[in-house]
Amino acid sequence: MQPPSDTARANSDAAATAPAGPTGRLVSWVHALTHDQIPQAVCERATHLLLDGLGCALVGAQLPWSRIATSAVCDIEGPGAAAVIGTGRTITPAGAAILNSTFIQGFELDDFHPTAPLHSASAIVPALLATAAHVGGPVSGRDFLVAAVAGFETGPRIGAALHGTEMLSRGWHSGPIFGGIASAVASGKVRRSSPAVLEDAVGFAATQSAGLMSAQYEAMGKRMQHGFAARNGFYSAALAQAGYTGIDQVLERPYGGFLSVYGEGHHPDADEVTRGLGTRWETMQIMVKSWAVMGGLHGAVEAAQMLRERQGRRVIERIDIRVGDVVYHHGWWTPQRPLTVIGAQMNIGYAAAVTLLDGVALPEQFTAARLDADDVWNLLRRTNVELDRSIDELPIAQRFQTHITLTFADGSHDSASVIAPHGNPADPVTNGEVVAKFRNLATSVMSVSRVSAIENAVLGLSEAADVAPLISLLAEPVERTFDQ
């Protein structure tokens, strides 16, 4: 089959080069998706995921490391018309995509997918905001929401095709690997791109996929890596819409294709890209966080809470933690005092120790004083983490389980296990809990009236003629938080 000409590709209905292939089926579905095809429950969940992501951005906008990023990126990019959330500043759309994503990822409070690990809102929402700024004309709330759903559905499927937790275990920062393609199709959907143009956008995004998980130990840059995916997705859709062609059939190409390269060594399954499209909604599987730690540590926090309630006056002599491969490789290394904030939020020993002491793992547990506190380090020195490979033989939904045993100075023991923490698809954080989380985060940095206005604008998105009023509400400066 001959590829369509540039003129034909720009036609609103121009087909993908291989419509029956994984790339072609994906982009054809995205192009055809309408609001009426999305079940009401999925639309409602998507709006709440957007609300959660924006709440994380608002509280993240004025974090100390976010202010450094804002200064640097604004200096690099120069002026533009795109709003940088919570700062009162504007910049180029590409620069705004990076920064707004960095804010969403700013304190490890944003969503994640449990089996195809990525942080969906931090990749997709900033790309959509950048696209709205770039196209210039009105973007309806309904179009914005449908595009977000397209992205929410795409990212986890790309991850599932690569057996995403294996990517994480190998040291890839999996979200930036999967997230650029999700951002590209979402941005292209807002642009009303044809399947052929969406195919080009996917090709551009795939070739820019990157991210190393070693950023988790100390680098501020870990918080920006989904931002690169958001920017790349925005840029990819814009280039493709302009007629600059990308890689066709990029997901399935045997030489240099996305799945063949990134899936080397763990047998990618191309059928996962489109399996259940339109009938099985990955949007409903995305987990909302309750704690300010990486997703794989939520089980440790909950197990530590259970043990703390039963501890009484007993003194902890030893902490033993048993986890599977994904959590072990992503969440355990022998910590050095003091940990950085990002390092503490990724380390299972710190998460368990501070929760045993404080009962929670929220921003207050990651101040400079708490990170270097004697009581925390006394427990960390007594902490042992074991890799239990039998956990990796279980169904994937059970591989994030955590088992903690405490040995006390009087010789007694107590154990707690969490197979799947609250927020998992079988026990999701409810929409009401999402709203409560948003209010709690946002009221720490702005007035109650502004919080209510943003909440109402997001939850009423499907009826909004234009997202511009929402963007204006997001753009104004917020108060500084977490200065140390």
Protein backbone atom coordinates (compact mmCIF):
# COMPACT_ATOMS: atom_id res chain seq x y z
CA MET A 1 0.00 0.00 0.00
CA GLN A 2 1.40 3.38 -1.00
CA PRO A 3 1.48 5.99 1.78
CA PRO A 4 -0.94 8.85 1.25
CA SER A 5 0.38 12.15 -0.06
CA ASP A 6 0.94 15.01 2.39
CA THR A 7 -2.27 16.63 1.14
CA ALA A 8 -4.24 13.44 1.63
CA ARG A 9 -2.82 12.92 5.11
CA ALA A 10 -4.10 16.31 6.19
CA ASN A 11 -7.61 15.40 5.08
CA SER A 12 -9.75 14.97 8.18
CA ASP A 13 -10.55 11.34 7.33
CA ALA A 14 -7.26 10.20 5.79
CA ALA A 15 -6.61 6.62 6.84
CA ALA A 16 -3.56 5.23 8.60
CA THR A 17 -1.08 3.44 6.35
CA ALA A 18 -1.96 0.03 7.80
CA PRO A 19 -5.42 0.37 9.39
CA ALA A 20 -5.48 -3.25 10.57
CA GLY A 21 -2.15 -3.02 12.42
CA PRO A 22 -1.69 -2.02 16.06
CA THR A 23 -0.78 1.59 15.28
CA GLY A 24 -3.53 1.89 12.67
CA ARG A 25 -6.23 0.43 14.91
CA LEU A 26 -5.22 2.72 17.78
CA VAL A 27 -5.23 5.97 15.82
CA SER A 28 -8.42 5.07 13.98
CA TRP A 29 -10.17 4.51 17.30
CA VAL A 30 -8.87 7.79 18.73
CA HIS A 31 -9.98 9.69 15.64
CA ALA A 32 -13.50 8.22 15.75
CA LEU A 33 -14.03 8.55 19.53
CA THR A 34 -16.94 10.78 20.56
CA HIS A 35 -18.32 11.85 23.90
CA ASP A 36 -21.44 9.76 23.37
CA GLN A 37 -19.33 6.60 23.01
CA ILE A 38 -17.81 7.01 26.46
CA PRO A 39 -19.88 5.59 29.33
CA GLN A 40 -21.05 8.19 31.82
CA ALA A 41 -19.09 6.56 34.66
CA VAL A 42 -15.89 6.81 32.59
CA CYS A 43 -16.54 10.48 31.82
CA GLU A 44 -17.15 11.18 35.49
CA ARG A 45 -13.98 9.36 36.51
CA ALA A 46 -11.98 11.19 33.86
CA THR A 47 -13.13 14.58 35.16
CA HIS A 48 -12.12 13.56 38.67
CA LEU A 49 -8.72 12.40 37.41
CA LEU A 50 -8.33 15.83 35.80
CA LEU A 51 -9.33 17.47 39.09
CA ASP A 52 -6.80 15.36 40.97
CA GLY A 53 -4.02 16.23 38.56
CA LEU A 54 -4.79 19.94 38.69
CA GLY A 55 -4.89 19.86 42.49
CA CYS A 56 -1.43 18.31 42.46
CA ALA A 57 -0.25 21.01 40.04
CA LEU A 58 -1.58 23.83 42.20
CA VAL A 59 0.13 22.58 45.35
CA GLY A 60 3.24 21.76 43.32
CA ALA A 61 3.58 25.08 41.53
CA GLN A 62 5.43 26.90 44.29
CA LEU A 63 7.51 24.09 45.76
CA PRO A 64 11.17 25.12 46.07
CA TRP A 65 12.32 22.82 43.26
CA SER A 66 9.37 23.89 41.09
CA ARG A 67 10.44 27.52 41.39
CA ILE A 68 13.93 26.58 40.20
CA ALA A 69 12.40 24.76 37.23
CA THR A 70 10.13 27.71 36.43
CA SER A 71 13.02 30.16 36.43
CA ALA A 72 15.19 27.93 34.26
CA VAL A 73 12.55 26.93 31.70
CA CYS A 74 11.18 30.47 31.35
CA ASP A 75 14.72 31.69 30.74
CA ILE A 76 15.30 28.98 28.12
CA GLU A 77 11.94 29.26 26.33
CA GLY A 78 11.22 32.97 26.52
CA PRO A 79 7.78 34.60 26.47
CA GLY A 80 4.65 33.03 25.08
CA ALA A 81 0.89 32.84 25.49
CA ALA A 82 0.58 29.59 27.45
CA ALA A 83 -0.20 29.77 31.17
CA VAL A 84 2.14 28.28 33.74
CA ILE A 85 -0.19 27.02 36.48
CA GLY A 86 -0.07 28.82 39.80
CA THR A 87 2.63 31.32 38.82
CA GLY A 88 0.93 34.15 36.95
CA ARG A 89 3.51 33.66 34.18
CA THR A 90 3.13 32.76 30.53
CA ILE A 91 5.59 31.00 28.27
CA THR A 92 5.69 29.02 25.03
CA PRO A 93 3.27 26.09 24.88
CA ALA A 94 6.16 23.61 24.88
CA GLY A 95 7.66 25.24 27.96
CA ALA A 96 4.29 25.28 29.71
CA ALA A 97 3.83 21.57 29.00
CA ILE A 98 7.13 20.81 30.74
CA LEU A 99 6.45 23.02 33.75
CA ASN A 100 2.81 22.14 34.32
CA SER A 101 3.72 18.47 34.25
CA THR A 102 6.62 19.08 36.63
CA PHE A 103 4.16 20.68 39.05
CA ILE A 104 1.72 17.74 38.83
CA GLN A 105 4.61 15.39 39.61
CA GLY A 106 5.98 17.87 42.14
CA PHE A 107 5.27 15.93 45.32
CA GLU A 108 4.46 12.34 44.34
CA LEU A 109 0.77 12.90 45.00
CA ASP A 110 -0.49 12.32 41.46
CA ASP A 111 -2.18 9.29 39.92
CA PHE A 112 -0.52 6.14 38.64
CA HIS A 113 -1.53 3.00 36.79
CA PRO A 114 -0.79 -0.16 38.80
CA THR A 115 0.06 -2.63 36.04
CA ALA A 116 1.39 -0.38 33.27
CA PRO A 117 3.15 2.18 35.42
CA LEU A 118 2.77 5.77 34.37
CA HIS A 119 1.38 8.99 35.82
CA SER A 120 -1.36 9.75 33.32
CA ALA A 121 -2.45 13.25 34.33
CA SER A 122 1.11 14.58 34.39
CA ALA A 123 1.65 13.45 30.81
CA ILE A 124 -1.72 14.25 29.28
CA VAL A 125 -3.17 17.34 31.00
CA PRO A 126 -0.16 19.62 30.33
CA ALA A 127 -0.05 18.54 26.69
CA LEU A 128 -3.75 19.37 26.31
CA LEU A 129 -3.34 22.77 27.96
CA ALA A 130 -0.39 23.51 25.68
CA THR A 131 -2.41 22.44 22.64
CA ALA A 132 -5.33 24.66 23.64
CA ALA A 133 -2.93 27.61 23.88
CA HIS A 134 -1.33 26.79 20.54
CA VAL A 135 -4.48 26.35 18.47
CA GLY A 136 -5.71 29.72 19.69
CA GLY A 137 -9.43 29.30 19.10
CA PRO A 138 -11.98 27.98 21.58
CA VAL A 139 -11.51 24.43 22.78
CA SER A 140 -14.71 23.11 24.29
CA GLY A 141 -14.68 21.33 27.60
CA ARG A 142 -16.22 18.31 25.92
CA ASP A 143 -13.44 18.13 23.32
CA PHE A 144 -10.86 18.52 26.08
CA LEU A 145 -12.46 15.72 28.10
CA VAL A 146 -12.74 13.31 25.15
CA ALA A 147 -9.09 13.96 24.29
CA ALA A 148 -8.11 13.28 27.91
CA VAL A 149 -9.96 9.96 27.82
CA ALA A 150 -8.16 9.06 24.58
CA GLY A 151 -4.87 9.66 26.39
CA PHE A 152 -5.94 7.85 29.56
CA GLU A 153 -6.87 4.83 27.45
CA THR A 154 -3.72 4.86 25.32
CA GLY A 155 -0.92 5.14 27.87
CA PRO A 156 -1.72 2.00 29.90
CA ARG A 157 -2.26 -0.04 26.75
CA ILE A 158 1.17 0.90 25.44
CA GLY A 159 2.53 -0.05 28.83
CA ALA A 160 0.68 -3.37 28.89
CA ALA A 161 2.06 -4.25 25.45
CA LEU A 162 5.56 -3.84 26.91
CA HIS A 163 4.69 -5.67 30.14
CA GLY A 164 5.25 -2.33 31.82
CA THR A 165 6.33 -3.46 35.27
CA GLU A 166 9.24 -5.29 33.62
CA MET A 167 10.33 -1.99 32.11
CA LEU A 168 10.39 -0.51 35.59
CA SER A 169 12.39 -3.41 37.00
CA ARG A 170 14.97 -2.96 34.25
CA GLY A 171 15.48 0.66 35.27
CA TRP A 172 13.43 2.54 32.72
CA HIS A 173 11.25 5.36 34.02
CA SER A 174 8.29 3.71 32.40
CA GLY A 175 5.89 6.68 32.42
CA PRO A 176 7.98 8.83 30.08
CA ILE A 177 8.38 5.78 27.83
CA PHE A 178 4.61 5.26 27.49
CA GLY A 179 3.40 8.78 28.20
CA GLY A 180 4.59 10.63 25.11
CA ILE A 181 2.42 8.50 22.84
CA ALA A 182 -0.59 9.06 25.10
CA SER A 183 0.05 12.82 25.07
CA ALA A 184 0.45 12.81 21.30
CA VAL A 185 -2.89 11.15 20.59
CA ALA A 186 -4.64 13.38 23.13
CA SER A 187 -3.15 16.51 21.58
CA GLY A 188 -3.95 15.28 18.09
CA LYS A 189 -7.53 14.61 19.13
CA VAL A 190 -7.95 18.25 20.18
CA ARG A 191 -6.56 19.24 16.78
CA ARG A 192 -9.12 16.94 15.07
CA SER A 193 -6.26 15.20 13.28
CA SER A 194 -6.94 12.48 10.73
CA PRO A 195 -5.86 8.91 11.47
CA ALA A 196 -2.93 9.42 9.10
CA VAL A 197 -1.78 12.51 10.97
CA LEU A 198 -2.30 10.83 14.33
CA GLU A 199 -0.12 8.00 13.05
CA ASP A 200 2.64 10.52 12.31
CA ALA A 201 2.22 12.01 15.78
CA VAL A 202 2.55 8.57 17.39
CA GLY A 203 5.68 8.01 15.32
CA PHE A 204 7.25 11.24 16.52
CA ALA A 205 6.35 10.57 20.14
CA ALA A 206 7.64 6.99 20.03
CA THR A 207 11.04 8.03 18.74
CA GLN A 208 11.41 10.53 21.61
CA SER A 209 10.59 8.04 24.38
CA ALA A 210 13.16 8.06 27.18
CA GLY A 211 13.53 8.09 30.93
CA LEU A 212 15.95 6.57 33.44
CA MET A 213 14.71 5.52 36.88
CA SER A 214 18.03 6.34 38.54
CA ALA A 215 16.63 9.86 38.73
CA GLN A 216 14.71 8.70 41.79
CA TYR A 217 17.61 8.81 44.24
CA GLU A 218 18.34 12.52 44.37
CA ALA A 219 17.49 14.33 41.13
CA MET A 220 14.98 17.16 40.94
CA GLY A 221 14.79 16.04 37.31
CA LYS A 222 12.75 12.97 38.27
CA ARG A 223 9.80 15.32 38.68
CA MET A 224 10.31 16.71 35.16
CA GLN A 225 10.63 13.49 33.19
CA HIS A 226 6.89 13.11 32.55
CA GLY A 227 7.09 16.76 31.48
CA PHE A 228 9.40 15.79 28.64
CA ALA A 229 6.77 13.26 27.57
CA ALA A 230 4.04 15.93 27.76
CA ARG A 231 6.12 18.35 25.70
CA ASN A 232 7.04 15.64 23.20
CA GLY A 233 3.41 14.65 22.78
CA PHE A 234 2.37 18.26 22.22
CA TYR A 235 5.21 18.82 19.77
CA SER A 236 4.57 15.55 17.95
CA ALA A 237 0.91 16.36 17.29
CA ALA A 238 1.78 19.88 16.13
CA LEU A 239 4.50 18.69 13.76
CA ALA A 240 2.24 16.02 12.31
CA GLN A 241 -0.65 18.45 11.83
CA ALA A 242 1.72 20.77 9.95
CA GLY A 243 2.47 17.99 7.47
CA TYR A 244 5.90 17.00 8.74
CA THR A 245 5.73 13.24 8.58
CA GLY A 246 6.76 10.83 11.31
CA ILE A 247 7.38 7.09 11.51
CA ASP A 248 4.48 5.05 10.14
CA GLN A 249 3.42 1.81 11.86
CA VAL A 250 5.93 2.64 14.57
CA LEU A 251 4.51 0.35 17.23
CA GLU A 252 4.82 -2.84 15.17
CA ARG A 253 7.88 -2.30 12.95
CA PRO A 254 10.20 -5.30 13.47
CA TYR A 255 13.39 -3.26 13.04
CA GLY A 256 13.56 -0.04 15.02
CA GLY A 257 9.91 -0.18 16.01
CA PHE A 258 8.75 0.92 19.43
CA LEU A 259 7.72 -2.49 20.75
CA SER A 260 10.65 -4.39 19.25
CA VAL A 261 13.22 -2.01 20.72
CA TYR A 262 11.78 -1.28 24.15
CA GLY A 263 10.39 -4.78 24.52
CA GLU A 264 13.65 -6.56 23.78
CA GLY A 265 14.07 -9.39 26.23
CA HIS A 266 10.51 -9.54 27.57
CA HIS A 267 8.30 -10.48 24.65
CA PRO A 268 5.97 -7.54 23.97
CA ASP A 269 2.39 -8.25 22.99
CA ALA A 270 1.23 -5.89 20.26
CA ASP A 271 -2.38 -7.00 20.64
CA GLU A 272 -2.50 -5.32 24.07
CA VAL A 273 -2.38 -1.92 22.35
CA THR A 274 -5.95 -2.22 21.13
CA ARG A 275 -7.40 -5.11 23.15
CA GLY A 276 -10.77 -4.03 24.54
CA LEU A 277 -10.70 -0.52 23.08
CA GLY A 278 -14.10 1.01 23.70
CA THR A 279 -15.29 -1.84 25.91
CA ARG A 280 -12.65 -2.18 28.65
CA TRP A 281 -11.86 1.26 30.02
CA GLU A 282 -8.37 1.74 31.44
CA THR A 283 -9.47 5.14 32.75
CA MET A 284 -11.28 3.24 35.51
CA GLN A 285 -8.08 1.40 36.48
CA ILE A 286 -5.97 4.52 37.10
CA MET A 287 -5.19 4.80 40.82
CA VAL A 288 -5.46 8.02 42.80
CA LYS A 289 -2.87 8.36 45.55
CA SER A 290 -3.63 8.86 49.21
CA TRP A 291 0.01 9.26 50.29
CA ALA A 292 2.97 11.36 49.12
CA VAL A 293 5.11 8.37 48.12
CA MET A 294 5.57 6.40 44.96
CA GLY A 295 2.69 4.09 44.17
CA GLY A 296 4.47 0.86 45.04
CA LEU A 297 4.95 2.02 48.63
CA HIS A 298 1.30 2.56 49.48
CA GLY A 299 1.06 -1.01 50.72
CA ALA A 300 3.97 -0.36 53.09
CA VAL A 301 2.28 2.75 54.45
CA GLU A 302 -0.99 0.90 55.08
CA ALA A 303 0.74 -2.11 56.67
CA ALA A 304 2.75 0.22 58.93
CA GLN A 305 -0.46 1.98 59.96
CA MET A 306 -2.01 -1.32 61.01
CA LEU A 307 1.05 -2.29 63.02
CA ARG A 308 1.27 1.12 64.67
CA GLU A 309 -2.29 0.77 65.96
CA ARG A 310 -1.35 -2.51 67.69
CA GLN A 311 2.13 -1.57 68.88
CA GLY A 312 1.26 -0.05 72.22
CA ARG A 313 4.34 0.73 74.31
CA ARG A 314 6.50 -1.99 72.77
CA VAL A 315 9.87 -0.86 71.42
CA ILE A 316 10.72 -1.90 67.85
CA GLU A 317 13.92 -3.93 67.64
CA ARG A 318 13.74 -4.90 63.95
CA ILE A 319 11.59 -4.25 60.86
CA ASP A 320 11.42 -6.90 58.13
CA ILE A 321 9.70 -6.04 54.85
CA ARG A 322 9.00 -8.57 52.12
CA VAL A 323 8.03 -7.46 48.58
CA GLY A 324 8.16 -8.59 44.96
CA ASP A 325 10.51 -7.61 42.18
CA VAL A 326 8.89 -4.36 41.05
CA VAL A 327 8.67 -2.78 44.48
CA TYR A 328 12.08 -4.12 45.54
CA HIS A 329 14.04 -2.77 42.60
CA HIS A 330 12.10 0.48 42.40
CA GLY A 331 11.78 1.09 46.12
CA TRP A 332 14.71 -0.31 48.05
CA TRP A 333 18.33 0.66 48.43
CA THR A 334 20.27 1.23 51.63
CA PRO A 335 19.53 4.89 52.41
CA GLN A 336 22.22 7.38 53.34
CA ARG A 337 21.53 10.12 55.88
CA PRO A 338 20.01 12.52 55.13
CA LEU A 339 17.85 11.44 52.22
CA THR A 340 16.71 13.94 49.63
CA VAL A 341 12.95 14.53 49.47
CA ILE A 342 12.61 12.56 46.25
CA GLY A 343 14.78 9.75 47.61
CA ALA A 344 12.66 9.45 50.75
CA GLN A 345 9.46 9.38 48.71
CA MET A 346 10.84 6.44 46.72
CA ASN A 347 12.39 4.43 49.59
CA ILE A 348 10.25 1.73 51.21
CA GLY A 349 12.31 1.77 54.38
CA TYR A 350 11.73 5.47 54.94
CA ALA A 351 8.03 5.21 54.08
CA ALA A 352 7.52 2.39 56.58
CA ALA A 353 9.64 3.94 59.34
CA VAL A 354 8.09 7.39 59.21
CA THR A 355 4.57 5.92 59.09
CA LEU A 356 5.25 3.73 62.11
CA LEU A 357 6.24 6.91 63.94
CA ASP A 358 3.77 9.47 62.56
CA GLY A 359 0.88 7.36 61.30
CA VAL A 360 0.87 8.97 57.84
CA ALA A 361 3.16 9.70 54.87
CA LEU A 362 2.07 13.19 53.80
CA PRO A 363 4.11 16.29 52.89
CA GLU A 364 4.86 16.99 56.55
CA GLN A 365 6.82 13.73 56.70
CA PHE A 366 9.27 15.00 54.08
CA THR A 367 10.48 18.28 55.55
CA ALA A 368 14.23 18.75 56.03
CA ALA A 369 13.87 18.26 59.76
CA ARG A 370 11.93 15.00 59.42
CA LEU A 371 14.29 13.63 56.78
CA ASP A 372 17.20 13.98 59.22
CA ALA A 373 15.38 13.05 62.44
CA ASP A 374 17.04 10.64 64.87
CA ASP A 375 13.87 8.65 65.57
CA VAL A 376 13.37 7.94 61.86
CA TRP A 377 16.99 6.89 61.32
CA ASN A 378 16.95 4.73 64.42
CA LEU A 379 14.22 2.67 62.75
CA LEU A 380 15.84 2.78 59.32
CA ARG A 381 19.01 1.21 60.72
CA ARG A 382 16.85 -1.66 61.97
CA THR A 383 15.06 -2.18 58.64
CA ASN A 384 15.66 -5.15 56.35
CA VAL A 385 13.96 -5.59 52.97
CA GLU A 386 13.73 -8.97 51.27
CA LEU A 387 12.94 -9.79 47.66
CA ASP A 388 10.36 -12.57 47.52
CA ARG A 389 10.36 -13.92 43.99
CA SER A 390 7.31 -16.07 44.65
CA ILE A 391 5.25 -12.86 44.60
CA ASP A 392 6.19 -12.39 40.96
CA GLU A 393 4.53 -15.69 40.07
CA LEU A 394 1.16 -14.32 41.20
CA PRO A 395 -1.38 -12.49 39.00
CA ILE A 396 -0.09 -9.04 38.16
CA ALA A 397 -2.67 -7.26 40.35
CA GLN A 398 -1.13 -8.98 43.41
CA ARG A 399 2.53 -8.25 42.67
CA PHE A 400 2.59 -4.96 44.58
CA GLN A 401 1.74 -6.68 47.86
CA THR A 402 3.75 -5.83 50.97
CA HIS A 403 4.39 -7.83 54.14
CA ILE A 404 5.90 -6.22 57.24
CA THR A 405 6.96 -8.00 60.43
CA LEU A 406 8.02 -6.12 63.55
CA THR A 407 10.22 -7.72 66.19
CA PHE A 408 10.01 -5.97 69.55
CA ALA A 409 12.58 -5.62 72.31
CA ASP A 410 10.52 -7.94 74.55
CA GLY A 411 10.86 -10.74 71.97
CA SER A 412 7.29 -10.52 70.65
CA HIS A 413 6.39 -10.17 66.98
CA ASP A 414 3.58 -8.67 64.92
CA SER A 415 2.95 -8.82 61.18
CA ALA A 416 0.69 -7.08 58.69
CA SER A 417 0.15 -7.71 55.00
CA VAL A 418 -1.43 -5.56 52.31
CA ILE A 419 -2.15 -7.41 49.08
CA ALA A 420 -3.47 -4.33 47.27
CA PRO A 421 -3.66 -0.89 48.92
CA HIS A 422 -6.67 1.39 48.91
CA GLY A 423 -6.94 2.97 45.49
CA ASN A 424 -6.46 -0.25 43.56
CA PRO A 425 -9.12 -0.98 40.93
CA ALA A 426 -11.00 -3.34 43.27
CA ASP A 427 -11.04 -0.71 46.04
CA PRO A 428 -10.73 2.63 44.27
CA VAL A 429 -10.41 6.03 45.83
CA THR A 430 -13.96 7.27 45.31
CA ASN A 431 -14.85 10.39 43.37
CA GLY A 432 -15.91 11.94 46.66
CA GLU A 433 -12.51 11.17 48.13
CA VAL A 434 -10.87 12.76 45.07
CA VAL A 435 -12.83 15.96 45.67
CA ALA A 436 -11.87 15.95 49.35
CA LYS A 437 -8.20 15.48 48.42
CA PHE A 438 -8.40 18.32 45.90
CA ARG A 439 -9.93 20.67 48.45
CA ASN A 440 -7.36 19.74 51.06
CA LEU A 441 -4.45 20.35 48.67
CA ALA A 442 -5.78 23.47 47.00
CA THR A 443 -6.95 25.29 50.12
CA SER A 444 -3.38 25.13 51.41
CA VAL A 445 -2.29 27.50 48.64
CA MET A 446 -5.33 29.62 47.68
CA SER A 447 -8.67 31.00 48.81
CA VAL A 448 -11.69 28.77 49.35
CA SER A 449 -13.64 30.71 46.73
CA ARG A 450 -11.01 30.06 44.07
CA VAL A 451 -10.86 26.40 45.05
CA SER A 452 -14.63 26.12 44.60
CA ALA A 453 -14.51 27.90 41.24
CA ILE A 454 -11.85 25.53 39.89
CA GLU A 455 -13.66 22.48 41.24
CA ASN A 456 -16.93 23.54 39.62
CA ALA A 457 -15.22 24.35 36.32
CA VAL A 458 -13.50 20.96 36.12
CA LEU A 459 -16.47 18.86 37.18
CA GLY A 460 -18.67 20.81 34.76
CA LEU A 461 -16.18 20.48 31.92
CA SER A 462 -18.44 18.56 29.56
CA GLU A 463 -20.84 21.54 29.41
CA ALA A 464 -18.20 24.26 28.98
CA ALA A 465 -18.07 26.08 25.65
CA ASP A 466 -14.38 26.86 26.15
CA VAL A 467 -11.68 25.79 28.60
CA ALA A 468 -10.23 29.33 28.66
CA PRO A 469 -12.05 30.38 31.88
CA LEU A 470 -10.69 27.32 33.67
CA ILE A 471 -7.17 28.07 32.45
CA SER A 472 -7.49 31.63 33.77
CA LEU A 473 -8.47 30.29 37.18
CA LEU A 474 -5.46 27.99 37.18
CA ALA A 475 -3.00 30.60 35.98
CA GLU A 476 -3.03 33.07 38.86
CA PRO A 477 -0.26 32.73 41.44
CA VAL A 478 -0.71 30.45 44.43
CA GLU A 479 0.96 30.72 47.81
CA ARG A 480 4.34 29.17 48.46
CA THR A 481 4.38 25.86 50.24
CA PHE A 482 6.92 23.54 51.80
CA ASP A 483 9.75 26.08 52.05
CA GLN A 484 12.43 24.62 54.26
